[in-house]
């Protein structure tokens, strides 16, 4: 009898042990099927005085996506144009896309973890398409620059999931200098009516000096770093680099001349509009240019014509102008095309109605069209937006990058040309 009871106990204990083992030791694949990882989410406060207070219902940071989600109310603006920037160990711009019908997604590139100041501003209530009539662009006002900030003052996020490793697809990034260990808020510079160029007000000037003091550019490709070190006036004497365009092309020549010394190897050839490219080609031949870099877009989008050139006209005229330009030149001149620069929100751009249209949204469409034109014509397109966009509002005169941004961009253009020869 006692033996029978003991045998029964052993059987019960064995069955209990099997059950316990099955509960404790779950197969690995089953664990991953049942455990759901949730990315950290941070709520970002909306500025109570923002002109977009009725347009945006919430702003959140999803660290696992390396993105900021802006949820829309559906009132007034269905597809607004935003501009966002993070300021921390890196200074980076947000890249916007439509997540769904009511949400915009602003993603950022790989950056070191840490605290980042975040600012998101509203530019337009509606995104531009390529067929929008000129009179609509001419009369459409940017959102009020005094109340265009969506995020509350001193808003910040914690970046934790995107360790910096660089990217072969990017030129590089703006890195905070080692002597600056604290993240300081940096707000977008604006120039309200009544300000005189280049000064605006004390706060605007302090924002400019703050961001210029804090950051330096770091290439993501070590080859580019070594190439910059190898460049010298002596190594450039066998070339003649000609920059075709208006004042922005002239500024590039000035920046290169200041860096490498003045000489015949850097030439500016004036061409404000696409139809000026025929005459510019003759000047390129006259100067025996080994390389020609075309940059036209500031005048078509700017104030001289009293209205911007339509997107369709810009595309067609640049295609025709570049096609004739390359036909006039022979194979001894290598032709490149660079992107059009965005201008900061100077008073002519931010006034209502505007009298200048060189803002980020118009320039975005111009550059998309220009890239397509270059692809069709098989011309190299030099895209420097990795350098300029995070610092897009730093032009001292509200137009030209006569600063460290311009110096870095000019040298990169030279590097691009020499690497592709």
Protein backbone atom coordinates (compact mmCIF):
# COMPACT_ATOMS: atom_id res chain seq x y z
CA UNK A 1 0.00 0.00 0.00
CA UNK A 2 2.78 2.41 0.99
CA UNK A 3 4.71 1.51 -2.22
CA UNK A 4 1.63 2.24 -4.33
CA UNK A 5 1.24 5.68 -2.72
CA UNK A 6 4.90 6.50 -3.32
CA UNK A 7 4.63 5.49 -6.98
CA UNK A 8 1.60 7.76 -7.34
CA UNK A 9 3.49 10.68 -5.76
CA UNK A 10 6.40 10.21 -8.13
CA UNK A 11 4.06 10.26 -11.14
CA UNK A 12 2.34 13.46 -9.94
CA UNK A 13 5.66 15.18 -9.31
CA UNK A 14 6.96 14.16 -12.73
CA UNK A 15 3.88 15.50 -14.47
CA UNK A 16 4.15 18.77 -12.50
CA UNK A 17 7.81 19.08 -13.48
CA UNK A 18 7.00 18.65 -17.18
CA UNK A 19 4.24 21.25 -16.96
CA UNK A 20 6.52 23.69 -15.14
CA UNK A 21 9.28 23.15 -17.67
CA UNK A 22 6.93 23.83 -20.57
CA UNK A 23 5.77 27.07 -18.97
CA UNK A 24 9.22 28.35 -18.03
CA UNK A 25 11.20 27.41 -21.09
CA UNK A 26 9.28 29.02 -23.96
CA UNK A 27 10.83 28.48 -27.42
CA UNK A 28 12.75 31.53 -28.63
CA UNK A 29 10.64 32.00 -31.76
CA UNK A 30 7.48 31.92 -29.68
CA UNK A 31 8.88 34.62 -27.39
CA UNK A 32 9.53 36.97 -30.31
CA UNK A 33 6.05 36.35 -31.61
CA UNK A 34 4.40 37.30 -28.36
CA UNK A 35 6.64 40.13 -27.11
CA UNK A 36 5.93 43.50 -28.76
CA UNK A 37 8.65 46.16 -28.56
CA UNK A 38 7.25 49.66 -28.15
CA UNK A 39 9.43 52.64 -29.17
CA UNK A 40 9.77 55.46 -26.63
CA UNK A 41 7.38 58.32 -27.43
CA UNK A 42 7.79 61.91 -26.29
CA UNK A 43 5.04 64.49 -26.44
CA UNK A 44 6.21 67.87 -27.78
CA UNK A 45 4.27 70.88 -26.58
CA UNK A 46 2.58 73.11 -29.17
CA UNK A 47 3.12 76.86 -28.90
CA UNK A 48 -0.11 78.40 -27.64
CA UNK A 49 0.39 81.50 -29.81
CA UNK A 50 1.20 79.56 -33.00
CA UNK A 51 -0.77 80.47 -36.10
CA UNK A 52 -1.00 76.70 -36.66
CA UNK A 53 -2.66 76.06 -33.28
CA UNK A 54 -5.90 75.13 -35.07
CA UNK A 55 -4.11 73.08 -37.74
CA UNK A 56 -1.97 70.77 -35.57
CA UNK A 57 -3.51 68.54 -32.91
CA UNK A 58 -0.32 66.92 -31.58
CA UNK A 59 3.42 66.61 -32.12
CA UNK A 60 5.27 63.51 -30.90
CA UNK A 61 8.81 62.18 -31.15
CA UNK A 62 9.11 58.45 -31.90
CA UNK A 63 12.73 57.62 -31.18
CA UNK A 64 12.58 54.15 -32.71
CA UNK A 65 11.53 55.65 -36.05
CA UNK A 66 14.02 58.52 -35.80
CA UNK A 67 11.06 60.73 -36.60
CA UNK A 68 8.65 63.39 -35.39
CA UNK A 69 4.97 62.90 -36.18
CA UNK A 70 2.74 65.93 -36.64
CA UNK A 71 -0.97 65.10 -36.48
CA UNK A 72 -3.33 67.47 -38.28
CA UNK A 73 -6.81 68.51 -37.28
CA UNK A 74 -8.08 68.65 -40.87
CA UNK A 75 -9.00 72.31 -40.46
CA UNK A 76 -7.81 74.94 -42.94
CA UNK A 77 -4.63 73.15 -44.11
CA UNK A 78 -4.65 69.57 -45.40
CA UNK A 79 -1.05 69.32 -46.63
CA UNK A 80 1.01 72.13 -45.05
CA UNK A 81 4.68 72.87 -45.75
CA UNK A 82 6.81 72.59 -42.62
CA UNK A 83 10.47 73.21 -41.88
CA UNK A 84 12.03 71.50 -38.85
CA UNK A 85 15.51 71.45 -37.35
CA UNK A 86 17.24 69.62 -34.50
CA UNK A 87 20.07 71.29 -32.62
CA UNK A 88 22.32 69.19 -30.39
CA UNK A 89 25.54 67.29 -30.98
CA UNK A 90 24.58 67.61 -34.65
CA UNK A 91 22.52 70.24 -36.46
CA UNK A 92 20.15 68.42 -38.80
CA UNK A 93 17.09 69.22 -40.88
CA UNK A 94 13.88 67.17 -40.80
CA UNK A 95 12.79 65.49 -44.06
CA UNK A 96 9.01 65.57 -44.42
CA UNK A 97 6.68 63.01 -45.95
CA UNK A 98 3.00 62.12 -45.64
CA UNK A 99 2.46 59.23 -43.22
CA UNK A 100 -1.28 59.13 -43.82
CA UNK A 101 -4.12 61.53 -44.62
CA UNK A 102 -3.83 63.24 -41.26
CA UNK A 103 -0.18 62.90 -40.27
CA UNK A 104 3.11 64.34 -41.49
CA UNK A 105 6.34 62.50 -40.71
CA UNK A 106 9.60 64.40 -40.21
CA UNK A 107 12.54 62.00 -40.23
CA UNK A 108 16.12 62.79 -39.29
CA UNK A 109 19.41 61.20 -40.32
CA UNK A 110 21.58 59.08 -38.08
CA UNK A 111 22.82 61.24 -35.23
CA UNK A 112 24.49 60.58 -31.87
CA UNK A 113 22.18 60.01 -28.92
CA UNK A 114 21.54 62.89 -26.55
CA UNK A 115 19.37 65.93 -25.91
CA UNK A 116 18.31 67.94 -29.00
CA UNK A 117 16.48 71.24 -29.18
CA UNK A 118 13.68 70.97 -31.73
CA UNK A 119 11.92 73.70 -33.68
CA UNK A 120 9.21 73.18 -36.31
CA UNK A 121 7.81 76.14 -38.23
CA UNK A 122 5.01 76.45 -40.79
CA UNK A 123 5.85 77.92 -44.20
CA UNK A 124 2.74 77.39 -46.29
CA UNK A 125 -0.75 76.06 -45.71
CA UNK A 126 -0.54 73.95 -48.89
CA UNK A 127 2.25 72.12 -50.67
CA UNK A 128 3.00 73.32 -54.22
CA UNK A 129 2.53 71.13 -57.28
CA UNK A 130 4.26 71.70 -60.60
CA UNK A 131 1.18 72.95 -62.42
CA UNK A 132 0.28 75.69 -59.97
CA UNK A 133 -0.32 78.97 -61.88
CA UNK A 134 2.16 81.81 -61.53
CA UNK A 135 -0.43 84.26 -60.21
CA UNK A 136 -1.21 81.86 -57.34
CA UNK A 137 2.46 81.58 -56.33
CA UNK A 138 2.93 85.35 -56.70
CA UNK A 139 0.07 86.19 -54.33
CA UNK A 140 0.35 83.31 -51.87
CA UNK A 141 1.76 84.47 -48.55
CA UNK A 142 4.00 82.52 -46.24
CA UNK A 143 2.53 81.93 -42.80
CA UNK A 144 3.06 84.91 -40.47
CA UNK A 145 6.73 84.74 -39.45
CA UNK A 146 5.93 86.26 -36.04
CA UNK A 147 3.73 83.28 -35.15
CA UNK A 148 4.84 80.51 -37.50
CA UNK A 149 6.57 78.37 -34.87
CA UNK A 150 4.52 75.24 -34.06
CA UNK A 151 6.66 73.85 -31.25
CA UNK A 152 6.73 75.65 -27.92
CA UNK A 153 9.82 77.63 -26.90
CA UNK A 154 12.71 75.51 -25.59
CA UNK A 155 11.17 72.25 -26.83
CA UNK A 156 13.59 69.31 -26.79
CA UNK A 157 13.73 65.58 -27.48
CA UNK A 158 15.96 62.72 -26.34
CA UNK A 159 17.54 60.78 -29.19
CA UNK A 160 18.47 57.31 -28.00
CA UNK A 161 18.13 54.79 -30.80
CA UNK A 162 20.24 56.15 -33.65
CA UNK A 163 24.00 55.94 -32.92
CA UNK A 164 26.11 57.97 -35.32
CA UNK A 165 27.94 55.89 -37.91
CA UNK A 166 28.01 58.23 -40.89
CA UNK A 167 26.38 57.56 -44.24
CA UNK A 168 27.94 56.95 -47.62
CA UNK A 169 24.96 58.67 -49.24
CA UNK A 170 25.44 61.93 -47.39
CA UNK A 171 28.12 64.55 -47.85
CA UNK A 172 28.45 64.94 -44.09
CA UNK A 173 26.92 66.81 -41.18
CA UNK A 174 27.31 69.87 -39.01
CA UNK A 175 28.97 68.78 -35.74
CA UNK A 176 28.95 70.73 -32.50
CA UNK A 177 32.44 71.90 -31.60
CA UNK A 178 33.98 70.24 -28.57
CA UNK A 179 34.11 73.42 -26.52
CA UNK A 180 30.31 73.61 -26.62
CA UNK A 181 29.03 70.86 -24.33
CA UNK A 182 25.53 72.23 -23.74
CA UNK A 183 22.61 72.21 -26.18
CA UNK A 184 21.43 75.78 -26.73
CA UNK A 185 18.12 76.62 -28.42
CA UNK A 186 18.48 78.05 -31.92
CA UNK A 187 15.45 79.63 -33.58
CA UNK A 188 14.89 80.34 -37.27
CA UNK A 189 16.02 83.82 -38.28
CA UNK A 190 13.34 86.05 -39.78
CA UNK A 191 13.42 89.64 -40.97
CA UNK A 192 10.09 91.36 -40.34
CA UNK A 193 9.10 94.47 -42.28
CA UNK A 194 10.90 97.57 -41.12
CA UNK A 195 14.32 95.93 -40.76
CA UNK A 196 17.21 97.10 -42.88
CA UNK A 197 19.67 94.76 -44.56
CA UNK A 198 21.69 93.03 -43.27
CA UNK A 199 20.68 93.77 -39.67
CA UNK A 200 17.25 92.96 -38.32
CA UNK A 201 17.14 92.88 -34.55
CA UNK A 202 19.33 91.82 -31.67
CA UNK A 203 17.74 88.40 -31.25
CA UNK A 204 18.10 87.58 -34.93
CA UNK A 205 21.75 88.54 -34.94
CA UNK A 206 22.40 86.49 -31.81
CA UNK A 207 20.80 83.42 -33.43
CA UNK A 208 23.11 83.81 -36.42
CA UNK A 209 26.27 84.17 -34.37
CA UNK A 210 25.22 81.34 -32.03
CA UNK A 211 24.83 78.67 -34.69
CA UNK A 212 27.92 79.79 -36.60
CA UNK A 213 30.06 79.66 -33.45
CA UNK A 214 28.81 76.27 -32.30
CA UNK A 215 29.17 74.08 -35.40
CA UNK A 216 31.75 72.82 -37.86
CA UNK A 217 31.22 70.60 -40.90
CA UNK A 218 32.41 66.99 -40.87
CA UNK A 219 32.47 64.89 -44.04
CA UNK A 220 31.04 61.38 -43.79
CA UNK A 221 33.61 60.11 -46.28
CA UNK A 222 37.23 60.24 -45.18
CA UNK A 223 38.28 60.54 -48.83
CA UNK A 224 36.64 63.95 -48.93
CA UNK A 225 38.51 65.05 -45.81
CA UNK A 226 41.85 64.04 -47.31
CA UNK A 227 40.98 65.61 -50.67
CA UNK A 228 40.30 68.96 -49.01
CA UNK A 229 43.70 68.76 -47.34
CA UNK A 230 45.35 67.95 -50.69
CA UNK A 231 43.77 70.85 -52.53
CA UNK A 232 46.05 73.82 -52.99
CA UNK A 233 46.47 76.71 -55.37
CA UNK A 234 49.34 74.88 -57.06
CA UNK A 235 47.24 71.77 -57.69
CA UNK A 236 44.54 73.89 -59.35
CA UNK A 237 46.71 75.90 -61.75
CA UNK A 238 46.18 73.52 -64.66
CA UNK A 239 42.40 74.09 -64.58
CA UNK A 240 40.02 76.97 -65.23
CA UNK A 241 36.81 76.63 -63.21
CA UNK A 242 34.01 78.81 -64.54
CA UNK A 243 30.85 79.42 -62.52
CA UNK A 244 27.90 80.51 -64.63
CA UNK A 245 25.03 82.34 -62.94
CA UNK A 246 24.24 85.55 -61.08
CA UNK A 247 25.43 86.78 -57.68
CA UNK A 248 25.39 83.36 -55.99
CA UNK A 249 27.82 82.00 -58.57
CA UNK A 250 29.93 85.11 -58.11
CA UNK A 251 29.93 84.48 -54.34
CA UNK A 252 31.24 80.93 -54.90
CA UNK A 253 34.13 82.36 -56.94
CA UNK A 254 34.83 84.88 -54.17
CA UNK A 255 34.84 82.15 -51.51
CA UNK A 256 37.22 79.96 -53.52
CA UNK A 257 39.50 82.91 -54.29
CA UNK A 258 39.64 83.83 -50.61
CA UNK A 259 40.52 80.23 -49.71
CA UNK A 260 43.01 79.36 -52.45
CA UNK A 261 44.13 82.78 -53.63
CA UNK A 262 42.99 84.87 -56.57
CA UNK A 263 43.98 83.78 -60.02
CA UNK A 264 42.72 82.96 -63.51
CA UNK A 265 41.62 79.48 -62.39
CA UNK A 266 38.36 80.82 -60.91
CA UNK A 267 36.06 82.77 -63.22
CA UNK A 268 32.52 84.11 -62.85
CA UNK A 269 30.44 84.32 -66.03
CA UNK A 270 27.19 86.25 -65.67
CA UNK A 271 23.92 84.55 -66.65
CA UNK A 272 20.81 85.49 -64.69
CA UNK A 273 18.21 83.60 -66.75
CA UNK A 274 18.24 80.38 -68.81
CA UNK A 275 18.12 82.35 -72.07
CA UNK A 276 21.49 83.89 -71.15
CA UNK A 277 23.25 80.52 -71.47
CA UNK A 278 23.99 80.94 -75.20
CA UNK A 279 26.05 84.05 -74.57
CA UNK A 280 27.60 82.45 -71.49
CA UNK A 281 28.81 79.52 -73.61
CA UNK A 282 30.80 81.93 -75.80
CA UNK A 283 32.41 83.38 -72.67
CA UNK A 284 33.28 79.86 -71.49
CA UNK A 285 35.09 79.25 -74.76
CA UNK A 286 36.82 82.63 -74.53
CA UNK A 287 38.15 81.86 -71.04
CA UNK A 288 39.20 78.31 -72.05
CA UNK A 289 37.23 76.88 -69.13
CA UNK A 290 38.08 73.28 -68.33
CA UNK A 291 35.01 73.04 -66.10
CA UNK A 292 31.72 74.95 -66.24
CA UNK A 293 29.29 74.92 -63.29
CA UNK A 294 25.84 76.29 -64.10
CA UNK A 295 23.68 77.66 -61.28
CA UNK A 296 20.57 79.53 -62.45
CA UNK A 297 17.39 79.93 -60.43
CA UNK A 298 17.76 82.91 -58.10
CA UNK A 299 16.59 85.48 -60.66
CA UNK A 300 13.77 83.33 -62.10
CA UNK A 301 12.40 82.89 -58.55
CA UNK A 302 13.42 86.33 -57.31
CA UNK A 303 12.10 89.88 -57.36
CA UNK A 304 13.52 91.25 -60.69
CA UNK A 305 10.65 89.97 -62.83
CA UNK A 306 7.90 91.04 -60.46
CA UNK A 307 6.72 87.42 -60.32
CA UNK A 308 8.44 84.04 -60.23
CA UNK A 309 8.95 82.02 -63.36
CA UNK A 310 6.39 79.21 -63.46
CA UNK A 311 7.63 75.72 -62.71
CA UNK A 312 6.78 74.46 -66.18
CA UNK A 313 8.53 77.41 -67.85
CA UNK A 314 11.61 76.99 -65.64
CA UNK A 315 11.87 73.30 -66.53
CA UNK A 316 11.49 73.88 -70.26
CA UNK A 317 13.78 76.92 -70.44
CA UNK A 318 16.53 75.22 -68.40
CA UNK A 319 16.30 72.13 -70.58
CA UNK A 320 16.54 74.15 -73.79
CA UNK A 321 19.22 76.46 -72.42
CA UNK A 322 21.46 73.65 -71.15
CA UNK A 323 20.99 71.62 -74.34
CA UNK A 324 22.20 74.57 -76.48
CA UNK A 325 24.93 75.42 -73.96
CA UNK A 326 26.48 71.96 -74.18
CA UNK A 327 26.13 71.89 -77.97
CA UNK A 328 28.15 75.11 -78.33
CA UNK A 329 30.96 73.77 -76.12
CA UNK A 330 33.28 70.94 -77.08
CA UNK A 331 34.42 67.98 -75.01
CA UNK A 332 37.32 69.91 -73.49
CA UNK A 333 34.88 71.64 -71.12
CA UNK A 334 33.20 69.45 -68.51
CA UNK A 335 29.72 70.81 -67.71
CA UNK A 336 28.10 70.45 -64.27
CA UNK A 337 24.89 71.89 -62.83
CA UNK A 338 24.45 72.81 -59.17
CA UNK A 339 21.29 73.12 -57.12
CA UNK A 340 19.50 76.44 -56.50
CA UNK A 341 19.97 77.98 -53.05
CA UNK A 342 17.16 78.56 -50.58
CA UNK A 343 17.00 82.06 -49.14
CA UNK A 344 16.26 82.87 -45.50
CA UNK A 345 12.96 84.51 -44.59
CA UNK A 346 13.95 88.08 -45.43
CA UNK A 347 11.32 90.79 -45.40
CA UNK A 348 10.62 90.61 -49.17
CA UNK A 349 10.03 86.86 -48.91
CA UNK A 350 8.05 86.85 -45.66
CA UNK A 351 5.94 89.95 -46.36
CA UNK A 352 2.32 89.58 -47.49
CA UNK A 353 1.96 89.63 -50.39
CA UNK A 354 5.57 88.67 -51.09
CA UNK A 355 7.81 90.45 -53.56
CA UNK A 356 10.46 87.68 -53.61
CA UNK A 357 9.80 83.94 -53.94
CA UNK A 358 13.17 82.30 -53.25
CA UNK A 359 11.77 80.43 -50.26
CA UNK A 360 12.32 76.71 -49.50
CA UNK A 361 9.10 75.48 -51.13
CA UNK A 362 9.59 77.23 -54.49
CA UNK A 363 13.27 76.26 -54.54
CA UNK A 364 12.35 72.64 -53.70
CA UNK A 365 10.30 72.35 -56.89
CA UNK A 366 12.95 74.15 -58.96
CA UNK A 367 15.61 71.70 -57.77
CA UNK A 368 13.45 68.64 -58.40
CA UNK A 369 12.88 69.84 -61.97
CA UNK A 370 16.54 70.72 -62.43
CA UNK A 371 17.61 67.23 -61.36
CA UNK A 372 15.21 65.69 -63.88
CA UNK A 373 16.52 67.97 -66.64
CA UNK A 374 20.10 66.95 -65.85
CA UNK A 375 19.13 63.28 -65.89
CA UNK A 376 17.57 63.64 -69.34
CA UNK A 377 20.59 65.54 -70.67
CA UNK A 378 23.06 63.24 -68.86
CA UNK A 379 24.69 66.13 -67.01
CA UNK A 380 26.19 65.72 -63.52
CA UNK A 381 24.06 67.40 -60.84
CA UNK A 382 25.84 68.77 -57.77
CA UNK A 383 23.51 68.67 -54.76
CA UNK A 384 24.87 70.62 -51.80
CA UNK A 385 21.70 70.63 -49.67
CA UNK A 386 23.35 68.40 -47.02
CA UNK A 387 25.62 71.38 -46.37
CA UNK A 388 23.25 74.30 -46.80
CA UNK A 389 19.85 73.15 -45.51
CA UNK A 390 20.69 72.72 -41.80
CA UNK A 391 22.12 76.27 -41.96
CA UNK A 392 19.63 77.65 -44.51
CA UNK A 393 18.88 80.82 -42.50
CA UNK A 394 22.48 81.88 -41.79
CA UNK A 395 23.20 84.03 -44.86
CA UNK A 396 24.41 87.30 -43.28
CA UNK A 397 22.74 89.50 -45.91
CA UNK A 398 19.61 87.31 -46.08
CA UNK A 399 20.69 86.02 -49.49
CA UNK A 400 24.32 84.95 -50.01
CA UNK A 401 26.29 82.35 -48.04
CA UNK A 402 29.27 84.59 -47.39
CA UNK A 403 30.18 82.57 -44.31
CA UNK A 404 31.48 79.14 -43.29
CA UNK A 405 28.51 77.50 -45.02
CA UNK A 406 29.52 79.10 -48.32
CA UNK A 407 33.17 78.18 -47.85
CA UNK A 408 32.37 74.50 -47.21
CA UNK A 409 29.91 74.39 -50.11
CA UNK A 410 32.37 75.99 -52.55
CA UNK A 411 35.17 73.59 -51.64
CA UNK A 412 32.81 70.62 -51.91
CA UNK A 413 31.77 71.68 -55.43
CA UNK A 414 35.46 71.78 -56.37
CA UNK A 415 35.99 68.35 -54.83
CA UNK A 416 32.99 66.93 -56.67
CA UNK A 417 34.32 68.19 -59.99
CA UNK A 418 37.83 66.83 -59.45
CA UNK A 419 36.57 63.45 -58.25
CA UNK A 420 34.33 63.06 -61.31
CA UNK A 421 36.86 64.10 -63.94
